[in-house]
Every structure is written in structure tokens, then in C-alpha cells.
Amino acid sequence: MEDTVLTRTVDADETANTTNIPSMSLLDLVLNSLQDNKAEEIVTIDLKGKSTIADHMVVASGRSTRQVAAITEKLHTRIKDTTGYIAKIEGKGAGDWVLLDAGDIIVHVFRPEVREFYQLEKMWLTDPAEPQDV
């Protein structure tokens, strides 16, 4: 099942670049790469108006430490090849939680157990207008 957010899906044997995807936004590029590399439970959080660190946060899961590291490494390469931007990566060695900072988009890729423990989506998706339990 594909997200409706995607502009165009790139075939697995076709590298994304500005020639074959001229109108692809960085968010589309990130989502395409995560889907192509079998990331699970992909969630996009709009940070505009909530934080100045980025415009979007993307949270996804990989089934193992090896898959988490591979997903972020391939995403890093795709962003660099397509945009020329060299994203920063933290946590790839451990592979439990890898953070990729692509400027306007922050990507977190977790192993499922670690994602459940930290629950980033819950923290960022709460409505600030609603009273919080203390």
C-alpha cells in the first residue's frame, strides 16, 4: 500500500536523481527511500509552528539493528546523490536508534522495542492546546 503523499515512486533498480524526479521534495525523497528499503510504521510529523529545529520529523522502524543501520545509510546516500546535501548521522554503530539530520527533515529509525520505549510520536503529536496530565 502506498502513501498518498508520494509524488512518484522510484523503481528499486533506478536511482533517484534530479533528472528522473525533478519536482520531488526532500520529504518525498525521504519517504520513498524508507519505503523502498522496507522501513515499517512510517510516521511523518509536521513540526512547523512547534519547533525551529526542522520542518518535519519522520519516524520509522526496522526489524533489526542491521536493517536500521542499512535503512539510514541508504537514505543518507540517496539524499547526497540527489541533492548534494550531506546529512549528519548519529547512532548508526549501535543500530537501535539512528538519527539522520537532513536539515529541514529529521529522521529517526528505531528497532521496534526501542521505538516503543521512547514513544517520540506521542511526545510530538500531542496537541499543546489540550491540558496535559501531571
C-alpha atoms as a PDB file:
ATOM      1  CA  MET A   1       0.000   0.000   0.000  1.00  0.00           C
ATOM      2  CA  GLU A   2       1.452   3.402  -0.960  1.00  0.00           C
ATOM      3  CA  ASP A   3       1.171   6.707   0.848  1.00  0.00           C
ATOM      4  CA  THR A   4      -0.763   9.400  -0.962  1.00  0.00           C
ATOM      5  CA  VAL A   5       1.994  11.873  -0.070  1.00  0.00           C
ATOM      6  CA  LEU A   6       4.411  10.444  -2.623  1.00  0.00           C
ATOM      7  CA  THR A   7       4.821  12.274  -5.901  1.00  0.00           C
ATOM      8  CA  ARG A   8       6.398   9.396  -7.794  1.00  0.00           C
ATOM      9  CA  THR A   9       7.795   6.056  -6.719  1.00  0.00           C
ATOM     10  CA  VAL A  10      11.258   5.190  -7.982  1.00  0.00           C
ATOM     11  CA  ASP A  11      11.867   1.627  -9.162  1.00  0.00           C
ATOM     12  CA  ALA A  12      14.306  -0.298  -6.970  1.00  0.00           C
ATOM     13  CA  ASP A  13      16.889  -0.513  -9.771  1.00  0.00           C
ATOM     14  CA  GLU A  14      16.514   3.192 -10.659  1.00  0.00           C
ATOM     15  CA  THR A  15      18.482   5.712  -8.606  1.00  0.00           C
ATOM     16  CA  ALA A  16      16.586   8.841  -7.622  1.00  0.00           C
ATOM     17  CA  ASN A  17      18.123  11.962  -9.107  1.00  0.00           C
ATOM     18  CA  THR A  18      17.055  15.372 -10.296  1.00  0.00           C
ATOM     19  CA  THR A  19      16.672  14.084 -13.867  1.00  0.00           C
ATOM     20  CA  ASN A  20      14.038  11.429 -13.203  1.00  0.00           C
ATOM     21  CA  ILE A  21      12.362  13.218 -10.273  1.00  0.00           C
ATOM     22  CA  PRO A  22      12.601  16.957 -10.966  1.00  0.00           C
ATOM     23  CA  SER A  23       9.799  18.045  -8.656  1.00  0.00           C
ATOM     24  CA  MET A  24      10.498  15.716  -5.730  1.00  0.00           C
ATOM     25  CA  SER A  25      10.666  17.451  -2.380  1.00  0.00           C
ATOM     26  CA  LEU A  26      13.117  16.331   0.275  1.00  0.00           C
ATOM     27  CA  LEU A  27      10.213  14.860   2.261  1.00  0.00           C
ATOM     28  CA  ASP A  28       9.088  12.824  -0.771  1.00  0.00           C
ATOM     29  CA  LEU A  29      12.657  11.632  -1.255  1.00  0.00           C
ATOM     30  CA  VAL A  30      12.901  10.522   2.388  1.00  0.00           C
ATOM     31  CA  LEU A  31       9.541   8.721   2.311  1.00  0.00           C
ATOM     32  CA  ASN A  32      10.365   6.984  -0.990  1.00  0.00           C
ATOM     33  CA  SER A  33      13.714   5.804   0.330  1.00  0.00           C
ATOM     34  CA  LEU A  34      12.210   4.493   3.577  1.00  0.00           C
ATOM     35  CA  GLN A  35       9.517   2.588   1.680  1.00  0.00           C
ATOM     36  CA  ASP A  36      11.995   1.203  -0.869  1.00  0.00           C
ATOM     37  CA  ASN A  37      14.183  -0.102   1.946  1.00  0.00           C
ATOM     38  CA  LYS A  38      11.294  -1.807   3.759  1.00  0.00           C
ATOM     39  CA  ALA A  39      11.038   0.526   6.753  1.00  0.00           C
ATOM     40  CA  GLU A  40       7.895  -0.137   8.764  1.00  0.00           C
ATOM     41  CA  GLU A  41       5.336   2.074  10.517  1.00  0.00           C
ATOM     42  CA  ILE A  42       6.470   5.293   8.837  1.00  0.00           C
ATOM     43  CA  VAL A  43       5.034   8.387  10.539  1.00  0.00           C
ATOM     44  CA  THR A  44       5.504  11.978   9.365  1.00  0.00           C
ATOM     45  CA  ILE A  45       5.147  14.767  11.937  1.00  0.00           C
ATOM     46  CA  ASP A  46       4.768  18.384  10.831  1.00  0.00           C
ATOM     47  CA  LEU A  47       6.963  20.496  13.127  1.00  0.00           C
ATOM     48  CA  LYS A  48       6.095  23.880  11.622  1.00  0.00           C
ATOM     49  CA  GLY A  49       4.950  26.095  14.463  1.00  0.00           C
ATOM     50  CA  LYS A  50       6.037  23.504  17.065  1.00  0.00           C
ATOM     51  CA  SER A  51       9.818  23.719  16.746  1.00  0.00           C
ATOM     52  CA  THR A  52      12.538  25.574  14.872  1.00  0.00           C
ATOM     53  CA  ILE A  53      14.836  22.537  14.572  1.00  0.00           C
ATOM     54  CA  ALA A  54      13.178  21.274  11.377  1.00  0.00           C
ATOM     55  CA  ASP A  55      10.011  21.437   9.284  1.00  0.00           C
ATOM     56  CA  HIS A  56       9.253  17.717   9.505  1.00  0.00           C
ATOM     57  CA  MET A  57      10.163  14.728  11.619  1.00  0.00           C
ATOM     58  CA  VAL A  58       9.887  11.243  10.170  1.00  0.00           C
ATOM     59  CA  VAL A  59       9.836   8.221  12.461  1.00  0.00           C
ATOM     60  CA  ALA A  60      10.192   4.675  11.133  1.00  0.00           C
ATOM     61  CA  SER A  61      11.147   1.195  12.297  1.00  0.00           C
ATOM     62  CA  GLY A  62      13.474  -1.510  11.048  1.00  0.00           C
ATOM     63  CA  ARG A  63      13.211  -5.131  12.148  1.00  0.00           C
ATOM     64  CA  SER A  64      16.820  -5.489  13.334  1.00  0.00           C
ATOM     65  CA  THR A  65      19.893  -3.410  14.160  1.00  0.00           C
ATOM     66  CA  ARG A  66      21.352  -4.341  10.781  1.00  0.00           C
ATOM     67  CA  GLN A  67      18.234  -3.192   8.913  1.00  0.00           C
ATOM     68  CA  VAL A  68      18.030   0.061  10.926  1.00  0.00           C
ATOM     69  CA  ALA A  69      21.648   0.876  10.031  1.00  0.00           C
ATOM     70  CA  ALA A  70      21.131  -0.096   6.363  1.00  0.00           C
ATOM     71  CA  ILE A  71      17.946   1.979   6.006  1.00  0.00           C
ATOM     72  CA  THR A  72      19.679   5.121   7.270  1.00  0.00           C
ATOM     73  CA  GLU A  73      22.857   4.518   5.267  1.00  0.00           C
ATOM     74  CA  LYS A  74      20.873   4.125   2.046  1.00  0.00           C
ATOM     75  CA  LEU A  75      18.796   7.206   2.892  1.00  0.00           C
ATOM     76  CA  HIS A  76      21.985   9.172   3.539  1.00  0.00           C
ATOM     77  CA  THR A  77      23.409   8.108   0.161  1.00  0.00           C
ATOM     78  CA  ARG A  78      20.179   8.890  -1.699  1.00  0.00           C
ATOM     79  CA  ILE A  79      19.954  12.395  -0.188  1.00  0.00           C
ATOM     80  CA  LYS A  80      23.602  13.075  -1.040  1.00  0.00           C
ATOM     81  CA  ASP A  81      23.293  11.750  -4.615  1.00  0.00           C
ATOM     82  CA  THR A  82      20.055  13.611  -5.309  1.00  0.00           C
ATOM     83  CA  THR A  83      20.529  16.936  -3.545  1.00  0.00           C
ATOM     84  CA  GLY A  84      24.255  17.159  -2.856  1.00  0.00           C
ATOM     85  CA  TYR A  85      23.475  17.706   0.838  1.00  0.00           C
ATOM     86  CA  ILE A  86      25.497  15.591   3.269  1.00  0.00           C
ATOM     87  CA  ALA A  87      23.155  14.685   6.115  1.00  0.00           C
ATOM     88  CA  LYS A  88      24.514  14.002   9.580  1.00  0.00           C
ATOM     89  CA  ILE A  89      24.007  10.562  11.167  1.00  0.00           C
ATOM     90  CA  GLU A  90      24.097   9.627  14.856  1.00  0.00           C
ATOM     91  CA  GLY A  91      23.761   6.168  16.395  1.00  0.00           C
ATOM     92  CA  LYS A  92      24.462   4.043  13.323  1.00  0.00           C
ATOM     93  CA  GLY A  93      27.079   1.959  15.157  1.00  0.00           C
ATOM     94  CA  ALA A  94      24.618   0.643  17.733  1.00  0.00           C
ATOM     95  CA  GLY A  95      21.696   0.387  15.307  1.00  0.00           C
ATOM     96  CA  ASP A  96      18.969   0.604  17.951  1.00  0.00           C
ATOM     97  CA  TRP A  97      18.034   4.220  17.205  1.00  0.00           C
ATOM     98  CA  VAL A  98      19.608   6.113  14.334  1.00  0.00           C
ATOM     99  CA  LEU A  99      19.008   9.817  13.820  1.00  0.00           C
ATOM    100  CA  LEU A 100      19.585  11.396  10.413  1.00  0.00           C
ATOM    101  CA  ASP A 101      19.598  15.190  10.252  1.00  0.00           C
ATOM    102  CA  ALA A 102      18.813  16.313   6.711  1.00  0.00           C
ATOM    103  CA  GLY A 103      18.365  19.984   7.578  1.00  0.00           C
ATOM    104  CA  ASP A 104      14.642  20.617   7.178  1.00  0.00           C
ATOM    105  CA  ILE A 105      13.831  16.990   7.982  1.00  0.00           C
ATOM    106  CA  ILE A 106      14.902  14.928  10.983  1.00  0.00           C
ATOM    107  CA  VAL A 107      14.591  11.156  10.505  1.00  0.00           C
ATOM    108  CA  HIS A 108      14.530   8.674  13.400  1.00  0.00           C
ATOM    109  CA  VAL A 109      14.804   4.979  12.575  1.00  0.00           C
ATOM    110  CA  PHE A 110      14.295   2.609  15.504  1.00  0.00           C
ATOM    111  CA  ARG A 111      14.173  -1.046  16.318  1.00  0.00           C
ATOM    112  CA  PRO A 112      10.528  -1.663  17.364  1.00  0.00           C
ATOM    113  CA  GLU A 113      11.318  -2.228  21.062  1.00  0.00           C
ATOM    114  CA  VAL A 114      13.335   0.984  21.314  1.00  0.00           C
ATOM    115  CA  ARG A 115      10.651   2.962  19.469  1.00  0.00           C
ATOM    116  CA  GLU A 116       8.001   1.693  21.879  1.00  0.00           C
ATOM    117  CA  PHE A 117      10.165   2.667  24.860  1.00  0.00           C
ATOM    118  CA  TYR A 118      10.834   6.280  23.766  1.00  0.00           C
ATOM    119  CA  GLN A 119       7.460   6.982  22.070  1.00  0.00           C
ATOM    120  CA  LEU A 120       8.629  10.082  20.164  1.00  0.00           C
ATOM    121  CA  GLU A 121       5.398  10.260  18.191  1.00  0.00           C
ATOM    122  CA  LYS A 122       3.373  10.574  21.376  1.00  0.00           C
ATOM    123  CA  MET A 123       5.510  13.487  22.543  1.00  0.00           C
ATOM    124  CA  TRP A 124       5.397  15.412  19.253  1.00  0.00           C
ATOM    125  CA  LEU A 125       1.826  14.607  18.189  1.00  0.00           C
ATOM    126  CA  THR A 126       0.173  15.863  21.380  1.00  0.00           C
ATOM    127  CA  ASP A 127      -1.927  18.971  20.912  1.00  0.00           C
ATOM    128  CA  PRO A 128      -0.452  21.827  23.006  1.00  0.00           C
ATOM    129  CA  ALA A 129      -3.965  23.310  23.422  1.00  0.00           C
ATOM    130  CA  GLU A 130      -5.079  20.240  25.381  1.00  0.00           C
ATOM    131  CA  PRO A 131      -4.288  20.134  29.113  1.00  0.00           C
ATOM    132  CA  GLN A 132      -1.563  17.611  29.971  1.00  0.00           C
ATOM    133  CA  ASP A 133      -1.838  15.142  32.846  1.00  0.00           C
ATOM    134  CA  VAL A 134       0.743  15.877  35.515  1.00  0.00           C
END
